[in-house]
Amino acid sequence: MGSIDTNYLANRLADAERGKAEALYDLGLLYSIGHGVEQNNIEAHKWFNLAAMRGMLSAQIDRAEVADNMSTMEISEAQRKAREWMTQH
């Protein structure tokens, strides 16, 4: 896990809660490579999925790439987490 400015992560999370697609995408990137957070394909897929729903083509592409390294069960879990996040925000 690489280091990252905790303010950057907090700002990205705050922007994600406001529905900003770029922030959602950035969180997907962080989780997909494990930069500043523990690498987690389920979380990466969740964030990319949320960004893709807001029209980010790059998020759709990266979500598909992450999904290539996930089981069907993991993808289902990521989709469930994305739906849960949407109902809470």
PDB file of N, CA and C in Angstrom:
ATOM      1  N   MET A   1       0.853  -1.174   0.000  1.00  0.00           N
ATOM      2  CA  MET A   1       0.000   0.000   0.000  1.00  0.00           C
ATOM      3  C   MET A   1       0.895   1.231   0.000  1.00  0.00           C
ATOM      4  N   GLY A   2       0.778   2.066  -1.008  1.00  0.00           N
ATOM      5  CA  GLY A   2       1.533   3.304  -1.075  1.00  0.00           C
ATOM      6  C   GLY A   2       0.927   4.355  -0.169  1.00  0.00           C
ATOM      7  N   SER A   3       1.743   5.335   0.185  1.00  0.00           N
ATOM      8  CA  SER A   3       1.214   6.386   1.062  1.00  0.00           C
ATOM      9  C   SER A   3       0.475   7.430   0.238  1.00  0.00           C
ATOM     10  N   ILE A   4      -0.437   8.090   0.898  1.00  0.00           N
ATOM     11  CA  ILE A   4      -1.239   9.122   0.251  1.00  0.00           C
ATOM     12  C   ILE A   4      -1.599  10.153   1.303  1.00  0.00           C
ATOM     13  N   ASP A   5      -1.743  11.364   0.879  1.00  0.00           N
ATOM     14  CA  ASP A   5      -2.147  12.432   1.781  1.00  0.00           C
ATOM     15  C   ASP A   5      -3.556  12.118   2.293  1.00  0.00           C
ATOM     16  N   THR A   6      -3.696  12.029   3.614  1.00  0.00           N
ATOM     17  CA  THR A   6      -5.011  11.694   4.180  1.00  0.00           C
ATOM     18  C   THR A   6      -6.045  12.760   3.856  1.00  0.00           C
ATOM     19  N   ASN A   7      -5.610  14.004   3.678  1.00  0.00           N
ATOM     20  CA  ASN A   7      -6.547  15.057   3.275  1.00  0.00           C
ATOM     21  C   ASN A   7      -7.097  14.785   1.880  1.00  0.00           C
ATOM     22  N   TYR A   8      -6.241  14.284   0.993  1.00  0.00           N
ATOM     23  CA  TYR A   8      -6.682  13.958  -0.361  1.00  0.00           C
ATOM     24  C   TYR A   8      -7.776  12.899  -0.319  1.00  0.00           C
ATOM     25  N   LEU A   9      -7.534  11.851   0.444  1.00  0.00           N
ATOM     26  CA  LEU A   9      -8.518  10.777   0.556  1.00  0.00           C
ATOM     27  C   LEU A   9      -9.820  11.291   1.162  1.00  0.00           C
ATOM     28  N   ALA A  10      -9.720  12.086   2.211  1.00  0.00           N
ATOM     29  CA  ALA A  10     -10.919  12.646   2.850  1.00  0.00           C
ATOM     30  C   ALA A  10     -11.680  13.544   1.880  1.00  0.00           C
ATOM     31  N   ASN A  11     -10.953  14.339   1.101  1.00  0.00           N
ATOM     32  CA  ASN A  11     -11.601  15.220   0.120  1.00  0.00           C
ATOM     33  C   ASN A  11     -12.280  14.423  -0.981  1.00  0.00           C
ATOM     34  N   ARG A  12     -11.634  13.359  -1.436  1.00  0.00           N
ATOM     35  CA  ARG A  12     -12.235  12.517  -2.470  1.00  0.00           C
ATOM     36  C   ARG A  12     -13.511  11.859  -1.950  1.00  0.00           C
ATOM     37  N   LEU A  13     -13.472  11.395  -0.710  1.00  0.00           N
ATOM     38  CA  LEU A  13     -14.671  10.789  -0.111  1.00  0.00           C
ATOM     39  C   LEU A  13     -15.793  11.813   0.025  1.00  0.00           C
ATOM     40  N   ALA A  14     -15.446  13.024   0.459  1.00  0.00           N
ATOM     41  CA  ALA A  14     -16.456  14.081   0.603  1.00  0.00           C
ATOM     42  C   ALA A  14     -17.055  14.433  -0.754  1.00  0.00           C
ATOM     43  N   ASP A  15     -16.203  14.540  -1.774  1.00  0.00           N
ATOM     44  CA  ASP A  15     -16.706  14.839  -3.119  1.00  0.00           C
ATOM     45  C   ASP A  15     -17.557  13.689  -3.656  1.00  0.00           C
ATOM     46  N   ALA A  16     -17.181  12.462  -3.332  1.00  0.00           N
ATOM     47  CA  ALA A  16     -17.972  11.300  -3.756  1.00  0.00           C
ATOM     48  C   ALA A  16     -19.357  11.352  -3.128  1.00  0.00           C
ATOM     49  N   GLU A  17     -19.415  11.736  -1.872  1.00  0.00           N
ATOM     50  CA  GLU A  17     -20.711  11.836  -1.195  1.00  0.00           C
ATOM     51  C   GLU A  17     -21.592  12.904  -1.826  1.00  0.00           C
ATOM     52  N   ARG A  18     -20.968  13.876  -2.486  1.00  0.00           N
ATOM     53  CA  ARG A  18     -21.728  14.907  -3.204  1.00  0.00           C
ATOM     54  C   ARG A  18     -22.055  14.468  -4.634  1.00  0.00           C
ATOM     55  N   GLY A  19     -21.665  13.227  -4.967  1.00  0.00           N
ATOM     56  CA  GLY A  19     -22.019  12.675  -6.269  1.00  0.00           C
ATOM     57  C   GLY A  19     -21.092  13.033  -7.405  1.00  0.00           C
ATOM     58  N   LYS A  20     -19.900  13.535  -7.104  1.00  0.00           N
ATOM     59  CA  LYS A  20     -18.967  13.929  -8.162  1.00  0.00           C
ATOM     60  C   LYS A  20     -18.330  12.691  -8.791  1.00  0.00           C
ATOM     61  N   ALA A  21     -18.577  12.526 -10.074  1.00  0.00           N
ATOM     62  CA  ALA A  21     -18.111  11.338 -10.790  1.00  0.00           C
ATOM     63  C   ALA A  21     -16.596  11.189 -10.741  1.00  0.00           C
ATOM     64  N   GLU A  22     -15.856  12.289 -10.873  1.00  0.00           N
ATOM     65  CA  GLU A  22     -14.393  12.210 -10.835  1.00  0.00           C
ATOM     66  C   GLU A  22     -13.901  11.655  -9.510  1.00  0.00           C
ATOM     67  N   ALA A  23     -14.530  12.054  -8.418  1.00  0.00           N
ATOM     68  CA  ALA A  23     -14.129  11.563  -7.095  1.00  0.00           C
ATOM     69  C   ALA A  23     -14.425  10.073  -6.971  1.00  0.00           C
ATOM     70  N   LEU A  24     -15.574   9.654  -7.460  1.00  0.00           N
ATOM     71  CA  LEU A  24     -15.921   8.232  -7.438  1.00  0.00           C
ATOM     72  C   LEU A  24     -14.894   7.428  -8.231  1.00  0.00           C
ATOM     73  N   TYR A  25     -14.530   7.960  -9.383  1.00  0.00           N
ATOM     74  CA  TYR A  25     -13.539   7.304 -10.238  1.00  0.00           C
ATOM     75  C   TYR A  25     -12.178   7.244  -9.544  1.00  0.00           C
ATOM     76  N   ASP A  26     -11.763   8.366  -8.951  1.00  0.00           N
ATOM     77  CA  ASP A  26     -10.470   8.406  -8.253  1.00  0.00           C
ATOM     78  C   ASP A  26     -10.412   7.368  -7.137  1.00  0.00           C
ATOM     79  N   LEU A  27     -11.509   7.199  -6.408  1.00  0.00           N
ATOM     80  CA  LEU A  27     -11.545   6.188  -5.348  1.00  0.00           C
ATOM     81  C   LEU A  27     -11.397   4.786  -5.939  1.00  0.00           C
ATOM     82  N   GLY A  28     -12.017   4.560  -7.080  1.00  0.00           N
ATOM     83  CA  GLY A  28     -11.845   3.281  -7.762  1.00  0.00           C
ATOM     84  C   GLY A  28     -10.388   3.026  -8.119  1.00  0.00           C
ATOM     85  N   LEU A  29      -9.721   4.063  -8.615  1.00  0.00           N
ATOM     86  CA  LEU A  29      -8.299   3.924  -8.946  1.00  0.00           C
ATOM     87  C   LEU A  29      -7.470   3.602  -7.711  1.00  0.00           C
ATOM     88  N   LEU A  30      -7.720   4.333  -6.627  1.00  0.00           N
ATOM     89  CA  LEU A  30      -6.951   4.108  -5.400  1.00  0.00           C
ATOM     90  C   LEU A  30      -7.090   2.668  -4.925  1.00  0.00           C
ATOM     91  N   TYR A  31      -8.315   2.157  -4.915  1.00  0.00           N
ATOM     92  CA  TYR A  31      -8.534   0.781  -4.458  1.00  0.00           C
ATOM     93  C   TYR A  31      -8.013  -0.250  -5.461  1.00  0.00           C
ATOM     94  N   SER A  32      -8.039   0.071  -6.738  1.00  0.00           N
ATOM     95  CA  SER A  32      -7.577  -0.907  -7.729  1.00  0.00           C
ATOM     96  C   SER A  32      -6.069  -1.112  -7.670  1.00  0.00           C
ATOM     97  N   ILE A  33      -5.332  -0.067  -7.302  1.00  0.00           N
ATOM     98  CA  ILE A  33      -3.870  -0.202  -7.241  1.00  0.00           C
ATOM     99  C   ILE A  33      -3.338  -0.243  -5.812  1.00  0.00           C
ATOM    100  N   GLY A  34      -4.201   0.004  -4.837  1.00  0.00           N
ATOM    101  CA  GLY A  34      -3.764  -0.024  -3.445  1.00  0.00           C
ATOM    102  C   GLY A  34      -2.906   1.166  -3.072  1.00  0.00           C
ATOM    103  N   HIS A  35      -3.254   2.327  -3.588  1.00  0.00           N
ATOM    104  CA  HIS A  35      -2.497   3.552  -3.284  1.00  0.00           C
ATOM    105  C   HIS A  35      -3.189   4.314  -2.157  1.00  0.00           C
ATOM    106  N   GLY A  36      -2.585   4.272  -0.972  1.00  0.00           N
ATOM    107  CA  GLY A  36      -3.151   4.968   0.182  1.00  0.00           C
ATOM    108  C   GLY A  36      -4.212   4.180   0.919  1.00  0.00           C
ATOM    109  N   VAL A  37      -4.643   3.097   0.314  1.00  0.00           N
ATOM    110  CA  VAL A  37      -5.625   2.183   0.906  1.00  0.00           C
ATOM    111  C   VAL A  37      -5.172   0.771   0.555  1.00  0.00           C
ATOM    112  N   GLU A  38      -5.697  -0.207   1.265  1.00  0.00           N
ATOM    113  CA  GLU A  38      -5.371  -1.586   0.912  1.00  0.00           C
ATOM    114  C   GLU A  38      -6.035  -1.932  -0.417  1.00  0.00           C
ATOM    115  N   GLN A  39      -5.294  -2.563  -1.316  1.00  0.00           N
ATOM    116  CA  GLN A  39      -5.837  -2.941  -2.615  1.00  0.00           C
ATOM    117  C   GLN A  39      -7.036  -3.854  -2.398  1.00  0.00           C
ATOM    118  N   ASN A  40      -8.148  -3.539  -3.097  1.00  0.00           N
ATOM    119  CA  ASN A  40      -9.385  -4.282  -2.894  1.00  0.00           C
ATOM    120  C   ASN A  40     -10.218  -4.184  -4.167  1.00  0.00           C
ATOM    121  N   ASN A  41     -10.294  -5.278  -4.918  1.00  0.00           N
ATOM    122  CA  ASN A  41     -11.037  -5.266  -6.180  1.00  0.00           C
ATOM    123  C   ASN A  41     -12.525  -5.036  -5.983  1.00  0.00           C
ATOM    124  N   ILE A  42     -13.080  -5.510  -4.884  1.00  0.00           N
ATOM    125  CA  ILE A  42     -14.510  -5.308  -4.631  1.00  0.00           C
ATOM    126  C   ILE A  42     -14.795  -3.821  -4.459  1.00  0.00           C
ATOM    127  N   GLU A  43     -13.987  -3.148  -3.659  1.00  0.00           N
ATOM    128  CA  GLU A  43     -14.165  -1.701  -3.467  1.00  0.00           C
ATOM    129  C   GLU A  43     -13.882  -0.942  -4.761  1.00  0.00           C
ATOM    130  N   ALA A  44     -12.841  -1.348  -5.487  1.00  0.00           N
ATOM    131  CA  ALA A  44     -12.524  -0.689  -6.757  1.00  0.00           C
ATOM    132  C   ALA A  44     -13.707  -0.799  -7.715  1.00  0.00           C
ATOM    133  N   HIS A  45     -14.260  -1.996  -7.842  1.00  0.00           N
ATOM    134  CA  HIS A  45     -15.399  -2.221  -8.736  1.00  0.00           C
ATOM    135  C   HIS A  45     -16.583  -1.366  -8.295  1.00  0.00           C
ATOM    136  N   LYS A  46     -16.825  -1.315  -6.994  1.00  0.00           N
ATOM    137  CA  LYS A  46     -17.939  -0.511  -6.468  1.00  0.00           C
ATOM    138  C   LYS A  46     -17.795   0.947  -6.897  1.00  0.00           C
ATOM    139  N   TRP A  47     -16.621   1.528  -6.651  1.00  0.00           N
ATOM    140  CA  TRP A  47     -16.422   2.945  -6.980  1.00  0.00           C
ATOM    141  C   TRP A  47     -16.462   3.186  -8.481  1.00  0.00           C
ATOM    142  N   PHE A  48     -15.836   2.299  -9.269  1.00  0.00           N
ATOM    143  CA  PHE A  48     -15.900   2.435 -10.725  1.00  0.00           C
ATOM    144  C   PHE A  48     -17.342   2.316 -11.205  1.00  0.00           C
ATOM    145  N   ASN A  49     -18.104   1.415 -10.615  1.00  0.00           N
ATOM    146  CA  ASN A  49     -19.501   1.236 -10.992  1.00  0.00           C
ATOM    147  C   ASN A  49     -20.297   2.517 -10.732  1.00  0.00           C
ATOM    148  N   LEU A  50     -20.095   3.117  -9.572  1.00  0.00           N
ATOM    149  CA  LEU A  50     -20.798   4.356  -9.232  1.00  0.00           C
ATOM    150  C   LEU A  50     -20.420   5.482 -10.190  1.00  0.00           C
ATOM    151  N   ALA A  51     -19.136   5.571 -10.545  1.00  0.00           N
ATOM    152  CA  ALA A  51     -18.696   6.596 -11.500  1.00  0.00           C
ATOM    153  C   ALA A  51     -19.265   6.317 -12.888  1.00  0.00           C
ATOM    154  N   ALA A  52     -19.303   5.051 -13.271  1.00  0.00           N
ATOM    155  CA  ALA A  52     -19.850   4.677 -14.576  1.00  0.00           C
ATOM    156  C   ALA A  52     -21.327   5.044 -14.673  1.00  0.00           C
ATOM    157  N   MET A  53     -22.053   4.886 -13.578  1.00  0.00           N
ATOM    158  CA  MET A  53     -23.469   5.251 -13.570  1.00  0.00           C
ATOM    159  C   MET A  53     -23.667   6.751 -13.750  1.00  0.00           C
ATOM    160  N   ARG A  54     -22.616   7.514 -13.501  1.00  0.00           N
ATOM    161  CA  ARG A  54     -22.676   8.960 -13.698  1.00  0.00           C
ATOM    162  C   ARG A  54     -22.059   9.365 -15.037  1.00  0.00           C
ATOM    163  N   GLY A  55     -21.877   8.370 -15.913  1.00  0.00           N
ATOM    164  CA  GLY A  55     -21.488   8.644 -17.289  1.00  0.00           C
ATOM    165  C   GLY A  55     -20.007   8.639 -17.613  1.00  0.00           C
ATOM    166  N   MET A  56     -19.155   8.216 -16.701  1.00  0.00           N
ATOM    167  CA  MET A  56     -17.712   8.205 -16.981  1.00  0.00           C
ATOM    168  C   MET A  56     -17.336   6.962 -17.779  1.00  0.00           C
ATOM    169  N   LEU A  57     -16.973   7.164 -19.030  1.00  0.00           N
ATOM    170  CA  LEU A  57     -16.575   6.053 -19.898  1.00  0.00           C
ATOM    171  C   LEU A  57     -15.333   5.353 -19.358  1.00  0.00           C
ATOM    172  N   SER A  58     -14.364   6.117 -18.869  1.00  0.00           N
ATOM    173  CA  SER A  58     -13.139   5.506 -18.335  1.00  0.00           C
ATOM    174  C   SER A  58     -13.454   4.596 -17.151  1.00  0.00           C
ATOM    175  N   ALA A  59     -14.464   4.935 -16.369  1.00  0.00           N
ATOM    176  CA  ALA A  59     -14.862   4.095 -15.237  1.00  0.00           C
ATOM    177  C   ALA A  59     -15.456   2.781 -15.736  1.00  0.00           C
ATOM    178  N   GLN A  60     -16.205   2.839 -16.832  1.00  0.00           N
ATOM    179  CA  GLN A  60     -16.767   1.612 -17.407  1.00  0.00           C
ATOM    180  C   GLN A  60     -15.656   0.679 -17.862  1.00  0.00           C
ATOM    181  N   ILE A  61     -14.643   1.254 -18.484  1.00  0.00           N
ATOM    182  CA  ILE A  61     -13.513   0.460 -18.975  1.00  0.00           C
ATOM    183  C   ILE A  61     -12.736  -0.146 -17.811  1.00  0.00           C
ATOM    184  N   ASP A  62     -12.420   0.674 -16.818  1.00  0.00           N
ATOM    185  CA  ASP A  62     -11.645   0.187 -15.673  1.00  0.00           C
ATOM    186  C   ASP A  62     -12.437  -0.813 -14.836  1.00  0.00           C
ATOM    187  N   ARG A  63     -13.738  -0.617 -14.737  1.00  0.00           N
ATOM    188  CA  ARG A  63     -14.585  -1.585 -14.024  1.00  0.00           C
ATOM    189  C   ARG A  63     -14.495  -2.949 -14.699  1.00  0.00           C
ATOM    190  N   ALA A  64     -14.535  -2.973 -16.019  1.00  0.00           N
ATOM    191  CA  ALA A  64     -14.439  -4.232 -16.764  1.00  0.00           C
ATOM    192  C   ALA A  64     -13.077  -4.891 -16.553  1.00  0.00           C
ATOM    193  N   GLU A  65     -12.023  -4.086 -16.520  1.00  0.00           N
ATOM    194  CA  GLU A  65     -10.680  -4.638 -16.296  1.00  0.00           C
ATOM    195  C   GLU A  65     -10.560  -5.247 -14.902  1.00  0.00           C
ATOM    196  N   VAL A  66     -11.099  -4.561 -13.898  1.00  0.00           N
ATOM    197  CA  VAL A  66     -11.068  -5.087 -12.534  1.00  0.00           C
ATOM    198  C   VAL A  66     -11.898  -6.366 -12.458  1.00  0.00           C
ATOM    199  N   ALA A  67     -13.047  -6.362 -13.109  1.00  0.00           N
ATOM    200  CA  ALA A  67     -13.943  -7.525 -13.075  1.00  0.00           C
ATOM    201  C   ALA A  67     -13.280  -8.771 -13.662  1.00  0.00           C
ATOM    202  N   ASP A  68     -12.348  -8.573 -14.599  1.00  0.00           N
ATOM    203  CA  ASP A  68     -11.635  -9.715 -15.183  1.00  0.00           C
ATOM    204  C   ASP A  68     -10.844 -10.495 -14.139  1.00  0.00           C
ATOM    205  N   ASN A  69     -10.525  -9.847 -13.023  1.00  0.00           N
ATOM    206  CA  ASN A  69      -9.743 -10.482 -11.955  1.00  0.00           C
ATOM    207  C   ASN A  69     -10.595 -10.834 -10.741  1.00  0.00           C
ATOM    208  N   MET A  70     -11.918 -10.878 -10.935  1.00  0.00           N
ATOM    209  CA  MET A  70     -12.837 -11.141  -9.828  1.00  0.00           C
ATOM    210  C   MET A  70     -13.705 -12.356 -10.135  1.00  0.00           C
ATOM    211  N   SER A  71     -14.144 -13.011  -9.080  1.00  0.00           N
ATOM    212  CA  SER A  71     -15.106 -14.105  -9.237  1.00  0.00           C
ATOM    213  C   SER A  71     -16.507 -13.512  -9.389  1.00  0.00           C
ATOM    214  N   THR A  72     -17.432 -14.326  -9.831  1.00  0.00           N
ATOM    215  CA  THR A  72     -18.825 -13.893  -9.946  1.00  0.00           C
ATOM    216  C   THR A  72     -19.358 -13.448  -8.591  1.00  0.00           C
ATOM    217  N   MET A  73     -18.964 -14.158  -7.559  1.00  0.00           N
ATOM    218  CA  MET A  73     -19.401 -13.825  -6.201  1.00  0.00           C
ATOM    219  C   MET A  73     -18.864 -12.449  -5.769  1.00  0.00           C
ATOM    220  N   GLU A  74     -17.613 -12.169  -6.100  1.00  0.00           N
ATOM    221  CA  GLU A  74     -17.020 -10.873  -5.752  1.00  0.00           C
ATOM    222  C   GLU A  74     -17.702  -9.734  -6.508  1.00  0.00           C
ATOM    223  N   ILE A  75     -18.009  -9.956  -7.768  1.00  0.00           N
ATOM    224  CA  ILE A  75     -18.703  -8.934  -8.556  1.00  0.00           C
ATOM    225  C   ILE A  75     -20.082  -8.670  -7.967  1.00  0.00           C
ATOM    226  N   SER A  76     -20.780  -9.713  -7.584  1.00  0.00           N
ATOM    227  CA  SER A  76     -22.098  -9.552  -6.953  1.00  0.00           C
ATOM    228  C   SER A  76     -21.994  -8.742  -5.671  1.00  0.00           C
ATOM    229  N   GLU A  77     -20.957  -9.011  -4.884  1.00  0.00           N
ATOM    230  CA  GLU A  77     -20.740  -8.264  -3.641  1.00  0.00           C
ATOM    231  C   GLU A  77     -20.460  -6.791  -3.939  1.00  0.00           C
ATOM    232  N   ALA A  78     -19.652  -6.521  -4.953  1.00  0.00           N
ATOM    233  CA  ALA A  78     -19.347  -5.139  -5.334  1.00  0.00           C
ATOM    234  C   ALA A  78     -20.612  -4.415  -5.788  1.00  0.00           C
ATOM    235  N   GLN A  79     -21.445  -5.089  -6.559  1.00  0.00           N
ATOM    236  CA  GLN A  79     -22.693  -4.484  -7.022  1.00  0.00           C
ATOM    237  C   GLN A  79     -23.637  -4.217  -5.855  1.00  0.00           C
ATOM    238  N   ARG A  80     -23.680  -5.140  -4.904  1.00  0.00           N
ATOM    239  CA  ARG A  80     -24.513  -4.938  -3.718  1.00  0.00           C
ATOM    240  C   ARG A  80     -24.023  -3.727  -2.931  1.00  0.00           C
ATOM    241  N   LYS A  81     -22.715  -3.603  -2.782  1.00  0.00           N
ATOM    242  CA  LYS A  81     -22.147  -2.467  -2.053  1.00  0.00           C
ATOM    243  C   LYS A  81     -22.438  -1.147  -2.770  1.00  0.00           C
ATOM    244  N   ALA A  82     -22.399  -1.156  -4.088  1.00  0.00           N
ATOM    245  CA  ALA A  82     -22.708   0.055  -4.851  1.00  0.00           C
ATOM    246  C   ALA A  82     -24.169   0.456  -4.648  1.00  0.00           C
ATOM    247  N   ARG A  83     -25.067  -0.521  -4.697  1.00  0.00           N
ATOM    248  CA  ARG A  83     -26.492  -0.218  -4.469  1.00  0.00           C
ATOM    249  C   ARG A  83     -26.709   0.321  -3.061  1.00  0.00           C
ATOM    250  N   GLU A  84     -26.051  -0.301  -2.098  1.00  0.00           N
ATOM    251  CA  GLU A  84     -26.162   0.138  -0.706  1.00  0.00           C
ATOM    252  C   GLU A  84     -25.654   1.571  -0.549  1.00  0.00           C
ATOM    253  N   TRP A  85     -24.535   1.879  -1.179  1.00  0.00           N
ATOM    254  CA  TRP A  85     -23.965   3.226  -1.108  1.00  0.00           C
ATOM    255  C   TRP A  85     -24.940   4.243  -1.711  1.00  0.00           C
ATOM    256  N   MET A  86     -25.550   3.868  -2.836  1.00  0.00           N
ATOM    257  CA  MET A  86     -26.493   4.774  -3.496  1.00  0.00           C
ATOM    258  C   MET A  86     -27.701   5.069  -2.616  1.00  0.00           C
ATOM    259  N   THR A  87     -28.189   4.086  -1.888  1.00  0.00           N
ATOM    260  CA  THR A  87     -29.360   4.327  -1.040  1.00  0.00           C
ATOM    261  C   THR A  87     -29.010   5.184   0.174  1.00  0.00           C
ATOM    262  N   GLN A  88     -27.743   5.169   0.570  1.00  0.00           N
ATOM    263  CA  GLN A  88     -27.317   5.952   1.728  1.00  0.00           C
ATOM    264  C   GLN A  88     -26.863   7.361   1.367  1.00  0.00           C
ATOM    265  N   HIS A  89     -26.606   7.601   0.089  1.00  0.00           N
ATOM    266  CA  HIS A  89     -26.105   8.913  -0.324  1.00  0.00           C
ATOM    267  C   HIS A  89     -27.014   9.450  -1.388  1.00  0.00           C
TER     268      HIS A  89
END
